[in-house]
Amino acid sequence: MTETAHATDRPVGEPVFRPATPADVPALVELVESAYRGDSSRAGWTTEADLLAGQRTDPEGVAAAIGHAEGLVLLAERDGGLVACCQLERRGERAYFGMFSVRPGLQGGGVGRAVLAEAERLAGEEWGVGAMEMTVIEQRTELIAWYERRGFRRTGEFSPFPYGDERFGIPLRPDLRFVHLTKELKAS
């Protein structure tokens, strides 16, 4: 018999998922910042510290994502501690996937794959959308390749980086832009 974590049917070590609440904002901001900015982010492979300085997000942005009428912020916890998160937003027949963050010391251990799989399940089965879409900074080739190995494809569309809006960071180079990725979700 498989040992399970908490009162779930998940094996020990696998994350438990739940929607974020306003009380989770401080922990979410800390998690996102640790995964993408500053020296702590260099412990993982998702760092943007060589591309951007400053903040990745702020409490207001995270609170807005949690309170969005057509979306949610999905938390992944182990033993009651926050280990990963993502934002999902319903956009008609598609779901936008963003704010994907995994604790730097846990990156590469399967937590990210589990969060992405749960987000795809939720969007496809519970929301009934046919595709998931996202944007990634074009220079993040290793991260884009990770998504492509999981079935995402480049759409050929790009959007500009919001230069001058420090809520999204302080660019360290002049050529940043976002590449659009999409993945068709299996019909249930």
N, C-alpha and C. Protein backbone atom coordinates (compact mmCIF):
# COMPACT_ATOMS: atom_id res chain seq x y z
N MET A 1 0.84 -1.18 0.00
CA MET A 1 0.00 0.00 0.00
C MET A 1 0.89 1.24 0.00
N THR A 2 0.56 2.22 -0.82
CA THR A 2 1.35 3.45 -0.93
C THR A 2 1.05 4.38 0.23
N GLU A 3 2.11 4.89 0.84
CA GLU A 3 1.95 5.86 1.91
C GLU A 3 1.44 7.16 1.30
N THR A 4 0.49 7.83 1.94
CA THR A 4 -0.06 9.06 1.39
C THR A 4 0.20 10.25 2.29
N ALA A 5 0.23 11.43 1.66
CA ALA A 5 0.46 12.68 2.38
C ALA A 5 -0.87 13.27 2.79
N HIS A 6 -0.96 13.71 4.03
CA HIS A 6 -2.18 14.32 4.56
C HIS A 6 -3.37 13.40 4.28
N ALA A 7 -4.53 13.95 4.13
CA ALA A 7 -5.71 13.11 3.92
C ALA A 7 -6.05 13.04 2.43
N THR A 8 -5.02 12.94 1.59
CA THR A 8 -5.27 12.88 0.15
C THR A 8 -4.92 11.50 -0.36
N ASP A 9 -5.15 11.28 -1.64
CA ASP A 9 -4.77 10.03 -2.27
C ASP A 9 -3.43 10.16 -2.99
N ARG A 10 -2.67 11.20 -2.69
CA ARG A 10 -1.39 11.42 -3.35
C ARG A 10 -0.27 10.77 -2.54
N PRO A 11 0.69 10.15 -3.23
CA PRO A 11 1.84 9.59 -2.52
C PRO A 11 2.62 10.69 -1.80
N VAL A 12 3.32 10.32 -0.73
CA VAL A 12 4.15 11.26 0.01
C VAL A 12 5.14 11.91 -0.96
N GLY A 13 5.33 13.20 -0.81
CA GLY A 13 6.27 13.92 -1.67
C GLY A 13 5.62 14.62 -2.84
N GLU A 14 4.47 14.15 -3.28
CA GLU A 14 3.77 14.83 -4.37
C GLU A 14 3.03 16.03 -3.79
N PRO A 15 2.97 17.11 -4.56
CA PRO A 15 2.31 18.31 -4.04
C PRO A 15 0.80 18.15 -3.92
N VAL A 16 0.27 18.89 -2.97
CA VAL A 16 -1.18 19.01 -2.79
C VAL A 16 -1.54 20.38 -3.35
N PHE A 17 -2.60 20.46 -4.14
CA PHE A 17 -2.99 21.70 -4.82
C PHE A 17 -4.20 22.33 -4.16
N ARG A 18 -4.22 23.67 -4.18
CA ARG A 18 -5.39 24.42 -3.74
C ARG A 18 -5.33 25.82 -4.35
N PRO A 19 -6.50 26.47 -4.48
CA PRO A 19 -6.51 27.85 -4.96
C PRO A 19 -5.97 28.79 -3.88
N ALA A 20 -5.26 29.81 -4.30
CA ALA A 20 -4.74 30.81 -3.36
C ALA A 20 -5.87 31.68 -2.84
N THR A 21 -5.66 32.24 -1.67
CA THR A 21 -6.57 33.20 -1.07
C THR A 21 -5.79 34.49 -0.81
N PRO A 22 -6.46 35.58 -0.48
CA PRO A 22 -5.73 36.82 -0.18
C PRO A 22 -4.68 36.66 0.93
N ALA A 23 -4.89 35.75 1.85
CA ALA A 23 -3.92 35.53 2.93
C ALA A 23 -2.60 34.97 2.40
N ASP A 24 -2.60 34.41 1.20
CA ASP A 24 -1.39 33.82 0.61
C ASP A 24 -0.51 34.82 -0.12
N VAL A 25 -0.96 36.07 -0.27
CA VAL A 25 -0.22 37.05 -1.07
C VAL A 25 1.24 37.20 -0.63
N PRO A 26 1.56 37.44 0.64
CA PRO A 26 2.97 37.61 1.00
C PRO A 26 3.85 36.41 0.64
N ALA A 27 3.37 35.21 0.91
CA ALA A 27 4.14 34.00 0.60
C ALA A 27 4.31 33.83 -0.91
N LEU A 28 3.29 34.19 -1.68
CA LEU A 28 3.38 34.09 -3.13
C LEU A 28 4.39 35.07 -3.70
N VAL A 29 4.37 36.31 -3.22
CA VAL A 29 5.34 37.30 -3.69
C VAL A 29 6.76 36.81 -3.39
N GLU A 30 6.97 36.30 -2.20
CA GLU A 30 8.30 35.79 -1.82
C GLU A 30 8.72 34.64 -2.73
N LEU A 31 7.81 33.71 -3.00
CA LEU A 31 8.12 32.56 -3.86
C LEU A 31 8.49 33.02 -5.27
N VAL A 32 7.66 33.87 -5.87
CA VAL A 32 7.91 34.33 -7.24
C VAL A 32 9.24 35.07 -7.32
N GLU A 33 9.49 35.96 -6.38
CA GLU A 33 10.76 36.70 -6.38
C GLU A 33 11.95 35.75 -6.24
N SER A 34 11.83 34.75 -5.37
CA SER A 34 12.95 33.82 -5.14
C SER A 34 13.25 32.98 -6.37
N ALA A 35 12.24 32.71 -7.19
CA ALA A 35 12.42 31.87 -8.37
C ALA A 35 13.02 32.62 -9.55
N TYR A 36 12.87 33.95 -9.58
CA TYR A 36 13.25 34.69 -10.78
C TYR A 36 14.27 35.80 -10.57
N ARG A 37 14.37 36.37 -9.39
CA ARG A 37 15.21 37.55 -9.21
C ARG A 37 16.23 37.36 -8.10
N GLY A 38 17.33 38.06 -8.24
CA GLY A 38 18.34 38.11 -7.19
C GLY A 38 19.16 36.84 -7.09
N ASP A 39 20.07 36.84 -6.13
CA ASP A 39 20.99 35.72 -5.96
C ASP A 39 20.28 34.42 -5.59
N SER A 40 19.20 34.50 -4.83
CA SER A 40 18.51 33.27 -4.44
C SER A 40 17.99 32.52 -5.67
N SER A 41 17.62 33.25 -6.71
CA SER A 41 17.08 32.61 -7.92
C SER A 41 18.14 31.81 -8.66
N ARG A 42 19.41 32.11 -8.44
CA ARG A 42 20.48 31.41 -9.15
C ARG A 42 20.65 29.96 -8.67
N ALA A 43 19.99 29.60 -7.56
CA ALA A 43 20.02 28.21 -7.10
C ALA A 43 19.20 27.31 -8.02
N GLY A 44 18.29 27.88 -8.77
CA GLY A 44 17.47 27.13 -9.72
C GLY A 44 17.86 27.50 -11.14
N TRP A 45 17.16 26.92 -12.11
CA TRP A 45 17.51 27.20 -13.50
C TRP A 45 16.53 28.16 -14.17
N THR A 46 15.54 28.67 -13.45
CA THR A 46 14.57 29.59 -14.06
C THR A 46 14.90 31.05 -13.82
N THR A 47 16.06 31.34 -13.28
CA THR A 47 16.41 32.72 -12.96
C THR A 47 16.35 33.64 -14.18
N GLU A 48 15.92 34.86 -13.94
CA GLU A 48 15.96 35.91 -14.96
C GLU A 48 16.96 36.99 -14.54
N ALA A 49 17.78 36.69 -13.52
CA ALA A 49 18.67 37.68 -12.93
C ALA A 49 19.67 38.27 -13.92
N ASP A 50 19.99 37.57 -14.99
CA ASP A 50 20.90 38.11 -16.00
C ASP A 50 20.18 38.96 -17.03
N LEU A 51 18.86 38.91 -17.04
CA LEU A 51 18.07 39.68 -18.01
C LEU A 51 17.38 40.88 -17.37
N LEU A 52 16.97 40.72 -16.11
CA LEU A 52 16.17 41.74 -15.44
C LEU A 52 16.60 41.91 -13.99
N ALA A 53 16.60 43.15 -13.54
CA ALA A 53 16.80 43.45 -12.12
C ALA A 53 15.46 43.93 -11.57
N GLY A 54 15.45 44.31 -10.31
CA GLY A 54 14.21 44.80 -9.72
C GLY A 54 13.25 43.67 -9.42
N GLN A 55 12.00 44.00 -9.30
CA GLN A 55 10.99 43.03 -8.89
C GLN A 55 10.43 42.24 -10.06
N ARG A 56 9.88 41.07 -9.77
CA ARG A 56 9.17 40.26 -10.77
C ARG A 56 7.68 40.50 -10.64
N THR A 57 7.24 40.73 -9.40
CA THR A 57 5.83 40.98 -9.14
C THR A 57 5.72 41.82 -7.87
N ASP A 58 4.50 42.13 -7.49
CA ASP A 58 4.27 42.88 -6.26
C ASP A 58 2.97 42.40 -5.63
N PRO A 59 2.72 42.78 -4.37
CA PRO A 59 1.50 42.30 -3.70
C PRO A 59 0.22 42.68 -4.46
N GLU A 60 0.20 43.86 -5.04
CA GLU A 60 -1.01 44.29 -5.77
C GLU A 60 -1.27 43.41 -6.98
N GLY A 61 -0.22 43.08 -7.72
CA GLY A 61 -0.38 42.23 -8.90
C GLY A 61 -0.82 40.82 -8.53
N VAL A 62 -0.25 40.28 -7.46
CA VAL A 62 -0.62 38.94 -7.02
C VAL A 62 -2.06 38.94 -6.50
N ALA A 63 -2.42 39.96 -5.73
CA ALA A 63 -3.80 40.05 -5.22
C ALA A 63 -4.80 40.16 -6.38
N ALA A 64 -4.44 40.92 -7.41
CA ALA A 64 -5.33 41.04 -8.57
C ALA A 64 -5.50 39.70 -9.27
N ALA A 65 -4.42 38.92 -9.39
CA ALA A 65 -4.52 37.60 -10.01
C ALA A 65 -5.41 36.67 -9.19
N ILE A 66 -5.27 36.72 -7.87
CA ILE A 66 -6.09 35.87 -6.99
C ILE A 66 -7.56 36.27 -7.09
N GLY A 67 -7.84 37.55 -7.20
CA GLY A 67 -9.22 38.03 -7.23
C GLY A 67 -9.84 38.11 -8.60
N HIS A 68 -9.11 37.73 -9.64
CA HIS A 68 -9.63 37.82 -11.02
C HIS A 68 -10.87 36.93 -11.17
N ALA A 69 -11.93 37.50 -11.69
CA ALA A 69 -13.20 36.78 -11.81
C ALA A 69 -13.12 35.55 -12.71
N GLU A 70 -12.23 35.56 -13.69
CA GLU A 70 -12.11 34.44 -14.63
C GLU A 70 -10.79 33.69 -14.45
N GLY A 71 -10.29 33.67 -13.23
CA GLY A 71 -9.01 32.99 -13.03
C GLY A 71 -8.77 32.58 -11.61
N LEU A 72 -7.58 32.06 -11.39
CA LEU A 72 -7.15 31.66 -10.06
C LEU A 72 -5.64 31.56 -10.04
N VAL A 73 -5.11 31.57 -8.84
CA VAL A 73 -3.70 31.25 -8.63
C VAL A 73 -3.70 29.90 -7.92
N LEU A 74 -3.03 28.95 -8.54
CA LEU A 74 -2.98 27.58 -8.03
C LEU A 74 -1.71 27.40 -7.20
N LEU A 75 -1.87 26.93 -5.98
CA LEU A 75 -0.73 26.68 -5.09
C LEU A 75 -0.44 25.19 -5.05
N ALA A 76 0.87 24.88 -4.95
CA ALA A 76 1.32 23.51 -4.71
C ALA A 76 2.04 23.53 -3.38
N GLU A 77 1.60 22.67 -2.46
CA GLU A 77 2.18 22.62 -1.12
C GLU A 77 2.67 21.21 -0.81
N ARG A 78 3.71 21.16 0.00
CA ARG A 78 4.21 19.90 0.57
C ARG A 78 4.33 20.12 2.06
N ASP A 79 3.76 19.24 2.83
CA ASP A 79 3.83 19.34 4.29
C ASP A 79 3.42 20.72 4.77
N GLY A 80 2.43 21.32 4.13
CA GLY A 80 1.91 22.62 4.52
C GLY A 80 2.74 23.80 4.05
N GLY A 81 3.85 23.56 3.37
CA GLY A 81 4.70 24.65 2.88
C GLY A 81 4.51 24.88 1.39
N LEU A 82 4.53 26.13 0.99
CA LEU A 82 4.36 26.50 -0.41
C LEU A 82 5.62 26.14 -1.20
N VAL A 83 5.48 25.32 -2.24
CA VAL A 83 6.63 24.92 -3.06
C VAL A 83 6.55 25.41 -4.49
N ALA A 84 5.35 25.74 -4.98
CA ALA A 84 5.19 26.19 -6.36
C ALA A 84 3.83 26.84 -6.53
N CYS A 85 3.70 27.58 -7.65
CA CYS A 85 2.42 28.20 -7.97
C CYS A 85 2.34 28.47 -9.46
N CYS A 86 1.15 28.77 -9.91
CA CYS A 86 0.92 29.28 -11.26
C CYS A 86 -0.39 30.04 -11.27
N GLN A 87 -0.52 30.88 -12.26
CA GLN A 87 -1.76 31.63 -12.47
C GLN A 87 -2.46 31.04 -13.69
N LEU A 88 -3.75 30.88 -13.60
CA LEU A 88 -4.58 30.49 -14.75
C LEU A 88 -5.66 31.54 -14.92
N GLU A 89 -5.88 31.92 -16.16
CA GLU A 89 -6.92 32.89 -16.46
C GLU A 89 -7.68 32.42 -17.69
N ARG A 90 -8.98 32.28 -17.54
CA ARG A 90 -9.81 31.85 -18.66
C ARG A 90 -9.99 33.01 -19.63
N ARG A 91 -9.66 32.74 -20.90
CA ARG A 91 -9.80 33.74 -21.96
C ARG A 91 -10.57 33.11 -23.11
N GLY A 92 -11.89 33.05 -22.94
CA GLY A 92 -12.73 32.42 -23.95
C GLY A 92 -12.46 30.93 -24.00
N GLU A 93 -12.05 30.44 -25.18
CA GLU A 93 -11.80 29.01 -25.37
C GLU A 93 -10.38 28.61 -24.99
N ARG A 94 -9.64 29.53 -24.41
CA ARG A 94 -8.26 29.28 -24.02
C ARG A 94 -8.05 29.64 -22.55
N ALA A 95 -6.97 29.12 -22.00
CA ALA A 95 -6.56 29.50 -20.65
C ALA A 95 -5.15 30.06 -20.74
N TYR A 96 -4.92 31.20 -20.10
CA TYR A 96 -3.57 31.76 -20.02
C TYR A 96 -2.89 31.19 -18.81
N PHE A 97 -1.63 30.77 -18.97
CA PHE A 97 -0.81 30.17 -17.92
C PHE A 97 0.33 31.13 -17.63
N GLY A 98 0.47 31.57 -16.39
CA GLY A 98 1.53 32.51 -16.05
C GLY A 98 1.93 32.39 -14.59
N MET A 99 2.83 33.29 -14.16
CA MET A 99 3.31 33.36 -12.79
C MET A 99 3.77 32.00 -12.27
N PHE A 100 4.29 31.17 -13.16
CA PHE A 100 4.73 29.82 -12.83
C PHE A 100 6.05 29.92 -12.06
N SER A 101 6.04 29.43 -10.83
CA SER A 101 7.21 29.54 -9.96
C SER A 101 7.37 28.27 -9.14
N VAL A 102 8.62 27.81 -9.06
CA VAL A 102 8.98 26.66 -8.23
C VAL A 102 10.16 27.09 -7.35
N ARG A 103 10.13 26.74 -6.09
CA ARG A 103 11.25 27.07 -5.20
C ARG A 103 12.56 26.66 -5.87
N PRO A 104 13.55 27.55 -5.89
CA PRO A 104 14.80 27.25 -6.60
C PRO A 104 15.45 25.93 -6.22
N GLY A 105 15.50 25.57 -4.95
CA GLY A 105 16.12 24.32 -4.53
C GLY A 105 15.36 23.08 -4.95
N LEU A 106 14.12 23.24 -5.40
CA LEU A 106 13.30 22.10 -5.81
C LEU A 106 13.18 21.98 -7.33
N GLN A 107 13.71 22.96 -8.06
CA GLN A 107 13.61 22.93 -9.51
C GLN A 107 14.38 21.73 -10.06
N GLY A 108 13.81 21.11 -11.07
CA GLY A 108 14.43 19.94 -11.67
C GLY A 108 14.03 18.64 -11.00
N GLY A 109 13.16 18.72 -9.99
CA GLY A 109 12.76 17.52 -9.25
C GLY A 109 11.36 17.02 -9.54
N GLY A 110 10.70 17.58 -10.53
CA GLY A 110 9.37 17.11 -10.92
C GLY A 110 8.21 17.94 -10.41
N VAL A 111 8.46 18.88 -9.51
CA VAL A 111 7.37 19.71 -8.99
C VAL A 111 6.75 20.54 -10.11
N GLY A 112 7.58 21.15 -10.94
CA GLY A 112 7.07 21.96 -12.04
C GLY A 112 6.21 21.16 -13.00
N ARG A 113 6.65 19.95 -13.34
CA ARG A 113 5.86 19.09 -14.22
C ARG A 113 4.50 18.78 -13.61
N ALA A 114 4.49 18.54 -12.29
CA ALA A 114 3.23 18.24 -11.60
C ALA A 114 2.30 19.45 -11.62
N VAL A 115 2.83 20.65 -11.39
CA VAL A 115 2.00 21.86 -11.41
C VAL A 115 1.44 22.09 -12.81
N LEU A 116 2.28 21.97 -13.83
CA LEU A 116 1.82 22.16 -15.20
C LEU A 116 0.73 21.14 -15.55
N ALA A 117 0.93 19.89 -15.16
CA ALA A 117 -0.08 18.86 -15.44
C ALA A 117 -1.40 19.18 -14.74
N GLU A 118 -1.35 19.64 -13.50
CA GLU A 118 -2.57 20.00 -12.78
C GLU A 118 -3.25 21.20 -13.43
N ALA A 119 -2.47 22.18 -13.86
CA ALA A 119 -3.04 23.35 -14.53
C ALA A 119 -3.72 22.94 -15.83
N GLU A 120 -3.10 22.06 -16.59
CA GLU A 120 -3.70 21.58 -17.84
C GLU A 120 -4.98 20.80 -17.56
N ARG A 121 -4.96 19.97 -16.52
CA ARG A 121 -6.15 19.20 -16.15
C ARG A 121 -7.28 20.14 -15.76
N LEU A 122 -6.99 21.09 -14.91
CA LEU A 122 -8.00 22.02 -14.44
C LEU A 122 -8.59 22.81 -15.62
N ALA A 123 -7.73 23.35 -16.47
CA ALA A 123 -8.20 24.15 -17.60
C ALA A 123 -9.01 23.31 -18.58
N GLY A 124 -8.55 22.12 -18.86
CA GLY A 124 -9.24 21.27 -19.84
C GLY A 124 -10.48 20.60 -19.30
N GLU A 125 -10.36 19.96 -18.14
CA GLU A 125 -11.48 19.18 -17.60
C GLU A 125 -12.49 20.04 -16.86
N GLU A 126 -12.03 20.94 -16.00
CA GLU A 126 -12.97 21.72 -15.20
C GLU A 126 -13.48 22.96 -15.92
N TRP A 127 -12.60 23.63 -16.67
CA TRP A 127 -13.04 24.84 -17.39
C TRP A 127 -13.53 24.52 -18.79
N GLY A 128 -13.13 23.38 -19.34
CA GLY A 128 -13.56 22.99 -20.67
C GLY A 128 -12.93 23.79 -21.81
N VAL A 129 -11.76 24.36 -21.58
CA VAL A 129 -11.09 25.11 -22.65
C VAL A 129 -10.26 24.15 -23.50
N GLY A 130 -10.02 24.55 -24.74
CA GLY A 130 -9.33 23.66 -25.67
C GLY A 130 -7.83 23.86 -25.78
N ALA A 131 -7.32 24.96 -25.21
CA ALA A 131 -5.88 25.22 -25.34
C ALA A 131 -5.39 26.06 -24.17
N MET A 132 -4.09 25.94 -23.92
CA MET A 132 -3.43 26.77 -22.92
C MET A 132 -2.40 27.60 -23.66
N GLU A 133 -2.29 28.87 -23.27
CA GLU A 133 -1.32 29.75 -23.91
C GLU A 133 -0.50 30.46 -22.85
N MET A 134 0.67 30.94 -23.26
CA MET A 134 1.56 31.66 -22.35
C MET A 134 2.51 32.51 -23.16
N THR A 135 3.21 33.39 -22.45
CA THR A 135 4.30 34.15 -23.05
C THR A 135 5.54 33.93 -22.21
N VAL A 136 6.69 33.86 -22.89
CA VAL A 136 7.98 33.64 -22.23
C VAL A 136 8.97 34.61 -22.88
N ILE A 137 9.85 35.19 -22.09
CA ILE A 137 10.88 36.06 -22.66
C ILE A 137 11.68 35.25 -23.67
N GLU A 138 11.80 35.79 -24.86
CA GLU A 138 12.42 35.08 -25.98
C GLU A 138 13.83 34.57 -25.66
N GLN A 139 14.59 35.30 -24.89
CA GLN A 139 15.96 34.91 -24.56
C GLN A 139 16.03 33.73 -23.59
N ARG A 140 14.90 33.30 -23.07
CA ARG A 140 14.86 32.16 -22.14
C ARG A 140 14.76 30.85 -22.93
N THR A 141 15.75 30.59 -23.78
CA THR A 141 15.69 29.44 -24.69
C THR A 141 15.58 28.11 -23.97
N GLU A 142 16.26 27.94 -22.85
CA GLU A 142 16.19 26.68 -22.10
C GLU A 142 14.78 26.46 -21.55
N LEU A 143 14.16 27.53 -21.07
CA LEU A 143 12.80 27.42 -20.54
C LEU A 143 11.80 27.15 -21.67
N ILE A 144 11.96 27.83 -22.80
CA ILE A 144 11.08 27.58 -23.95
C ILE A 144 11.20 26.13 -24.39
N ALA A 145 12.44 25.61 -24.45
CA ALA A 145 12.65 24.21 -24.82
C ALA A 145 11.95 23.27 -23.84
N TRP A 146 11.95 23.61 -22.54
CA TRP A 146 11.27 22.78 -21.54
C TRP A 146 9.78 22.71 -21.85
N TYR A 147 9.18 23.85 -22.17
CA TYR A 147 7.76 23.87 -22.53
C TYR A 147 7.51 23.10 -23.82
N GLU A 148 8.39 23.24 -24.78
CA GLU A 148 8.21 22.52 -26.05
C GLU A 148 8.27 21.01 -25.83
N ARG A 149 9.11 20.55 -24.93
CA ARG A 149 9.15 19.11 -24.62
C ARG A 149 7.86 18.64 -23.97
N ARG A 150 7.08 19.56 -23.46
CA ARG A 150 5.80 19.23 -22.83
C ARG A 150 4.62 19.53 -23.74
N GLY A 151 4.86 19.71 -25.01
CA GLY A 151 3.78 19.83 -25.99
C GLY A 151 3.42 21.24 -26.41
N PHE A 152 4.05 22.25 -25.86
CA PHE A 152 3.77 23.63 -26.30
C PHE A 152 4.50 23.88 -27.60
N ARG A 153 3.95 24.79 -28.39
CA ARG A 153 4.62 25.17 -29.64
C ARG A 153 4.59 26.68 -29.77
N ARG A 154 5.57 27.19 -30.49
CA ARG A 154 5.63 28.62 -30.76
C ARG A 154 4.55 28.97 -31.78
N THR A 155 3.88 30.09 -31.55
CA THR A 155 2.83 30.51 -32.48
C THR A 155 3.35 31.39 -33.60
N GLY A 156 4.57 31.91 -33.44
CA GLY A 156 5.11 32.88 -34.39
C GLY A 156 4.78 34.31 -34.01
N GLU A 157 4.00 34.47 -32.94
CA GLU A 157 3.64 35.81 -32.46
C GLU A 157 4.60 36.24 -31.36
N PHE A 158 4.80 37.55 -31.28
CA PHE A 158 5.64 38.15 -30.25
C PHE A 158 4.91 39.35 -29.69
N SER A 159 5.25 39.71 -28.48
CA SER A 159 4.74 40.96 -27.92
C SER A 159 5.91 41.66 -27.22
N PRO A 160 5.85 42.99 -27.15
CA PRO A 160 6.98 43.73 -26.58
C PRO A 160 7.08 43.58 -25.07
N PHE A 161 8.30 43.68 -24.57
CA PHE A 161 8.50 43.74 -23.13
C PHE A 161 8.08 45.14 -22.68
N PRO A 162 7.45 45.26 -21.51
CA PRO A 162 6.99 46.58 -21.06
C PRO A 162 8.11 47.45 -20.49
N TYR A 163 9.02 47.87 -21.38
CA TYR A 163 10.10 48.76 -20.96
C TYR A 163 9.51 50.01 -20.32
N GLY A 164 10.14 50.47 -19.25
CA GLY A 164 9.68 51.67 -18.56
C GLY A 164 8.68 51.41 -17.46
N ASP A 165 8.17 50.18 -17.35
CA ASP A 165 7.23 49.83 -16.28
C ASP A 165 7.95 48.93 -15.29
N GLU A 166 8.52 49.53 -14.26
CA GLU A 166 9.35 48.78 -13.33
C GLU A 166 8.59 47.76 -12.49
N ARG A 167 7.26 47.73 -12.59
CA ARG A 167 6.51 46.68 -11.90
C ARG A 167 6.90 45.31 -12.44
N PHE A 168 7.43 45.25 -13.68
CA PHE A 168 7.79 43.99 -14.31
C PHE A 168 9.30 43.76 -14.33
N GLY A 169 10.05 44.65 -13.69
CA GLY A 169 11.49 44.50 -13.63
C GLY A 169 12.20 45.61 -14.39
N ILE A 170 13.50 45.66 -14.18
CA ILE A 170 14.35 46.64 -14.84
C ILE A 170 15.20 45.89 -15.85
N PRO A 171 14.93 46.05 -17.15
CA PRO A 171 15.67 45.30 -18.17
C PRO A 171 17.17 45.61 -18.13
N LEU A 172 17.97 44.56 -18.29
CA LEU A 172 19.42 44.70 -18.33
C LEU A 172 19.95 44.63 -19.76
N ARG A 173 19.04 44.55 -20.73
CA ARG A 173 19.41 44.55 -22.14
C ARG A 173 18.26 45.14 -22.95
N PRO A 174 18.54 45.65 -24.14
CA PRO A 174 17.53 46.39 -24.90
C PRO A 174 16.66 45.56 -25.84
N ASP A 175 16.84 44.26 -25.91
CA ASP A 175 16.18 43.46 -26.95
C ASP A 175 15.18 42.44 -26.41
N LEU A 176 14.66 42.65 -25.21
CA LEU A 176 13.72 41.69 -24.64
C LEU A 176 12.36 41.78 -25.34
N ARG A 177 11.76 40.64 -25.57
CA ARG A 177 10.38 40.56 -26.04
C ARG A 177 9.85 39.19 -25.65
N PHE A 178 8.54 39.04 -25.73
CA PHE A 178 7.88 37.80 -25.36
C PHE A 178 7.55 36.99 -26.60
N VAL A 179 7.80 35.69 -26.54
CA VAL A 179 7.35 34.75 -27.56
C VAL A 179 6.07 34.11 -27.03
N HIS A 180 5.11 33.90 -27.90
CA HIS A 180 3.84 33.27 -27.53
C HIS A 180 3.91 31.78 -27.79
N LEU A 181 3.46 31.00 -26.80
CA LEU A 181 3.41 29.54 -26.89
C LEU A 181 1.98 29.08 -26.67
N THR A 182 1.63 27.97 -27.29
CA THR A 182 0.28 27.42 -27.09
C THR A 182 0.36 25.90 -27.07
N LYS A 183 -0.60 25.29 -26.41
CA LYS A 183 -0.71 23.83 -26.38
C LYS A 183 -2.19 23.47 -26.44
N GLU A 184 -2.51 22.60 -27.35
CA GLU A 184 -3.89 22.09 -27.43
C GLU A 184 -4.09 21.11 -26.28
N LEU A 185 -5.22 21.22 -25.61
CA LEU A 185 -5.54 20.32 -24.51
C LEU A 185 -6.46 19.23 -25.01
N LYS A 186 -6.26 18.04 -24.48
CA LYS A 186 -7.09 16.89 -24.89
C LYS A 186 -8.52 17.09 -24.40
N ALA A 187 -9.44 16.80 -25.26
CA ALA A 187 -10.86 16.86 -24.87
C ALA A 187 -11.15 15.70 -23.92
N SER A 188 -11.93 16.00 -22.89
CA SER A 188 -12.25 14.93 -21.91
C SER A 188 -13.45 14.15 -22.35
